[in-house]
Amino acid sequence: MNETLSRNVLVETFGATEGAALRVKQAALVVVGILAFAILAKVKVPVPGSPVAINMGTFAVLSIAAAYGPRLGLTTIMGYMLIGALGFDVFQSSTAELNGLAYMTGSTGGYLVGYVLATLLLGAAARAGWDRTAPKMAGAMLLGNVIIYVPGLLWLGVLYGWNEPILAWGLWPFLLGDGLKLALAAVVLPLAWKAVGRARG
């Protein structure tokens, strides 16, 4: 098991590998990752009749988790959550009026929990080398999406009641968009690995 989870992740193929320089690199990657989460979360398409919009946040979370690995990925997503909890407008539908913990316990709260769980899964999958081929990366992305949706839908049911059309609000409208994002990530990460191989060659 240790051998299958000991491969380098993408960000470990460049820059410092030890000492203070490594810490500086990791800190910079956390900052870049948080900025990417915040920017891509705001790229959204409202879904009529649903309290949750389609956005690029899931693409950012799953792709960065795969590129960073479980430990650095978890640090980055938790940093993003902390900044959001402090009231900064970094979530997909947060505003000056609705932000912080009030936003995080609203309709997207379960999905935010799913982001953290999916980060661990995608990071572990990358450690096992799943991000190096399109089919395995697609499989990892699919599992990551499932892990995001499960707590997301459960929270919608708790928040609004199970007599409401929870699947119509929080699942069906997003499947096409998630399929496109899955396909994009399944191509981008393996291409990045090929570029690393060419650069070393």
Protein backbone atom coordinates (compact mmCIF):
# COMPACT_ATOMS: atom_id res chain seq x y z
CA MET A 1 0.00 0.00 0.00
CA ASN A 2 2.83 2.38 0.87
CA GLU A 3 4.43 1.73 -2.51
CA THR A 4 1.23 2.45 -4.42
CA LEU A 5 0.78 5.78 -2.61
CA SER A 6 4.40 6.98 -2.84
CA ARG A 7 4.55 8.46 -6.33
CA ASN A 8 5.33 12.12 -6.81
CA VAL A 9 2.46 14.47 -7.51
CA LEU A 10 2.74 17.12 -10.22
CA VAL A 11 3.97 20.02 -8.04
CA GLU A 12 6.80 17.86 -6.70
CA THR A 13 8.37 17.65 -10.17
CA PHE A 14 9.67 21.22 -10.14
CA GLY A 15 11.33 23.64 -7.76
CA ALA A 16 12.82 22.99 -4.34
CA THR A 17 12.53 19.56 -2.76
CA GLU A 18 13.82 20.18 0.76
CA GLY A 19 14.61 22.74 3.43
CA ALA A 20 13.42 26.33 3.69
CA ALA A 21 13.11 26.68 -0.07
CA LEU A 22 10.58 23.83 -0.12
CA ARG A 23 8.53 25.55 2.59
CA VAL A 24 8.53 28.78 0.56
CA LYS A 25 7.42 26.88 -2.54
CA GLN A 26 4.63 25.14 -0.64
CA ALA A 27 3.42 28.42 0.87
CA ALA A 28 3.36 29.99 -2.59
CA LEU A 29 1.40 27.03 -3.96
CA VAL A 30 -1.16 27.34 -1.15
CA VAL A 31 -1.66 31.03 -1.96
CA VAL A 32 -1.97 30.31 -5.69
CA GLY A 33 -4.41 27.47 -5.00
CA ILE A 34 -6.62 29.61 -2.77
CA LEU A 35 -6.67 32.37 -5.40
CA ALA A 36 -7.61 29.81 -8.06
CA PHE A 37 -10.45 28.48 -5.89
CA ALA A 38 -11.78 31.98 -5.26
CA ILE A 39 -11.59 33.08 -8.90
CA LEU A 40 -13.00 29.91 -10.47
CA ALA A 41 -15.80 29.68 -7.88
CA LYS A 42 -17.08 32.99 -9.26
CA VAL A 43 -17.24 31.60 -12.81
CA LYS A 44 -20.81 30.38 -12.55
CA VAL A 45 -24.01 29.84 -14.48
CA PRO A 46 -27.30 30.20 -12.53
CA VAL A 47 -29.67 27.24 -12.79
CA PRO A 48 -33.36 28.26 -12.93
CA GLY A 49 -35.27 26.72 -10.04
CA SER A 50 -32.18 25.62 -8.13
CA PRO A 51 -30.54 27.33 -5.14
CA VAL A 52 -27.11 26.14 -6.37
CA ALA A 53 -25.36 27.42 -9.53
CA ILE A 54 -23.04 25.57 -11.92
CA ASN A 55 -19.51 26.84 -11.38
CA MET A 56 -15.86 25.98 -12.01
CA GLY A 57 -15.17 25.50 -8.31
CA THR A 58 -15.39 21.71 -8.52
CA PHE A 59 -12.94 21.69 -11.43
CA ALA A 60 -10.50 23.81 -9.40
CA VAL A 61 -10.84 21.71 -6.25
CA LEU A 62 -10.41 18.35 -7.95
CA SER A 63 -7.63 19.44 -10.32
CA ILE A 64 -5.59 21.24 -7.66
CA ALA A 65 -6.03 18.32 -5.27
CA ALA A 66 -4.60 15.98 -7.89
CA ALA A 67 -1.73 18.32 -8.69
CA TYR A 68 -0.89 19.05 -5.03
CA GLY A 69 -1.46 15.69 -3.37
CA PRO A 70 -3.48 15.02 -0.20
CA ARG A 71 -1.44 16.97 2.37
CA LEU A 72 -0.79 20.19 0.46
CA GLY A 73 -4.21 19.95 -1.17
CA LEU A 74 -5.90 19.68 2.24
CA THR A 75 -3.89 22.65 3.55
CA THR A 76 -4.99 24.69 0.55
CA ILE A 77 -8.70 23.85 0.71
CA MET A 78 -8.77 24.42 4.47
CA GLY A 79 -7.05 27.78 3.98
CA TYR A 80 -9.75 28.66 1.45
CA MET A 81 -12.49 27.59 3.87
CA LEU A 82 -10.93 29.62 6.68
CA ILE A 83 -10.75 32.75 4.55
CA GLY A 84 -14.38 32.22 3.58
CA ALA A 85 -15.40 31.65 7.20
CA LEU A 86 -13.80 34.97 8.13
CA GLY A 87 -16.25 36.72 5.81
CA PHE A 88 -14.26 37.24 2.64
CA ASP A 89 -16.24 36.93 -0.59
CA VAL A 90 -14.57 33.81 -2.00
CA PHE A 91 -17.44 31.36 -2.42
CA GLN A 92 -19.56 30.93 -5.55
CA SER A 93 -22.59 32.91 -4.38
CA SER A 94 -21.28 34.74 -1.34
CA THR A 95 -21.88 38.49 -1.24
CA ALA A 96 -21.14 41.45 1.00
CA GLU A 97 -24.43 40.70 2.78
CA LEU A 98 -24.25 36.89 2.85
CA ASN A 99 -20.83 35.49 3.67
CA GLY A 100 -18.80 33.75 6.34
CA LEU A 101 -20.37 31.06 8.46
CA ALA A 102 -23.89 32.20 7.54
CA TYR A 103 -23.13 31.41 3.89
CA MET A 104 -21.28 28.19 4.71
CA THR A 105 -24.27 26.78 6.55
CA GLY A 106 -26.64 27.67 3.71
CA SER A 107 -27.56 25.68 0.61
CA THR A 108 -23.97 25.05 -0.50
CA GLY A 109 -22.73 23.96 2.94
CA GLY A 110 -22.80 20.24 2.18
CA TYR A 111 -20.94 20.76 -1.07
CA LEU A 112 -18.18 22.60 0.81
CA VAL A 113 -17.80 19.57 3.08
CA GLY A 114 -17.65 17.46 -0.06
CA TYR A 115 -14.83 19.66 -1.38
CA VAL A 116 -12.68 18.75 1.60
CA LEU A 117 -13.42 15.02 1.32
CA ALA A 118 -12.85 15.04 -2.45
CA THR A 119 -9.53 16.82 -1.98
CA LEU A 120 -8.28 13.94 0.15
CA LEU A 121 -9.52 11.38 -2.38
CA LEU A 122 -8.02 13.09 -5.44
CA GLY A 123 -4.76 13.72 -3.62
CA ALA A 124 -4.49 10.05 -2.71
CA ALA A 125 -5.42 9.04 -6.26
CA ALA A 126 -2.64 11.26 -7.60
CA ARG A 127 -0.18 9.63 -5.18
CA ALA A 128 -1.22 6.32 -6.73
CA GLY A 129 -0.56 7.68 -10.23
CA TRP A 130 -4.17 8.02 -11.36
CA ASP A 131 -3.54 11.52 -12.70
CA ARG A 132 -1.09 10.29 -15.33
CA THR A 133 -3.57 8.73 -17.74
CA ALA A 134 -6.87 10.11 -19.01
CA PRO A 135 -9.02 7.04 -18.13
CA LYS A 136 -7.77 6.83 -14.54
CA MET A 137 -7.99 10.58 -14.07
CA ALA A 138 -11.57 10.51 -15.37
CA GLY A 139 -12.36 7.76 -12.88
CA ALA A 140 -10.83 9.74 -10.02
CA MET A 141 -12.78 12.85 -11.05
CA LEU A 142 -15.99 10.83 -11.18
CA LEU A 143 -15.42 9.50 -7.67
CA GLY A 144 -14.54 13.01 -6.51
CA ASN A 145 -17.80 14.37 -7.90
CA VAL A 146 -19.76 11.63 -6.14
CA ILE A 147 -18.08 12.52 -2.85
CA ILE A 148 -19.00 16.19 -3.37
CA TYR A 149 -22.62 15.42 -4.22
CA VAL A 150 -23.39 13.05 -1.36
CA PRO A 151 -22.97 15.54 1.52
CA GLY A 152 -24.28 18.31 -0.73
CA LEU A 153 -27.58 16.56 -1.37
CA LEU A 154 -27.88 15.32 2.20
CA TRP A 155 -27.49 18.88 3.48
CA LEU A 156 -30.07 20.22 1.03
CA GLY A 157 -32.50 17.61 2.32
CA VAL A 158 -31.84 18.56 5.94
CA LEU A 159 -32.02 22.28 5.19
CA TYR A 160 -35.14 22.38 3.01
CA GLY A 161 -36.89 19.10 3.84
CA TRP A 162 -37.03 15.81 1.98
CA ASN A 163 -40.45 16.68 0.57
CA GLU A 164 -38.69 19.17 -1.72
CA PRO A 165 -37.24 18.16 -5.14
CA ILE A 166 -33.71 17.80 -3.81
CA LEU A 167 -32.31 15.92 -6.81
CA ALA A 168 -33.89 18.42 -9.21
CA TRP A 169 -32.29 21.25 -7.25
CA GLY A 170 -28.90 19.82 -6.48
CA LEU A 171 -28.01 17.06 -8.96
CA TRP A 172 -29.76 16.75 -12.33
CA PRO A 173 -29.06 20.30 -13.59
CA PHE A 174 -25.33 19.93 -12.97
CA LEU A 175 -24.56 16.58 -14.55
CA LEU A 176 -23.81 17.91 -18.03
CA GLY A 177 -21.54 20.66 -16.72
CA ASP A 178 -19.75 18.25 -14.42
CA GLY A 179 -19.29 15.83 -17.29
CA LEU A 180 -17.58 18.55 -19.33
CA LYS A 181 -15.39 19.57 -16.39
CA LEU A 182 -14.52 15.92 -15.77
CA ALA A 183 -13.45 15.50 -19.39
CA LEU A 184 -11.36 18.69 -19.23
CA ALA A 185 -9.51 17.63 -16.07
CA ALA A 186 -9.03 14.12 -17.43
CA VAL A 187 -7.10 15.66 -20.33
CA VAL A 188 -5.27 18.52 -18.59
CA LEU A 189 -3.46 16.57 -15.85
CA PRO A 190 -2.11 13.78 -18.08
CA LEU A 191 -0.99 16.41 -20.62
CA ALA A 192 0.86 18.22 -17.85
CA TRP A 193 2.64 14.98 -16.97
CA LYS A 194 3.60 14.47 -20.61
CA ALA A 195 5.00 18.00 -20.69
CA VAL A 196 7.08 17.22 -17.58
CA GLY A 197 8.40 14.09 -19.28
CA ARG A 198 9.35 16.00 -22.41
CA ALA A 199 11.07 18.72 -20.38
CA ARG A 200 13.15 16.11 -18.58
CA GLY A 201 13.94 14.32 -21.81
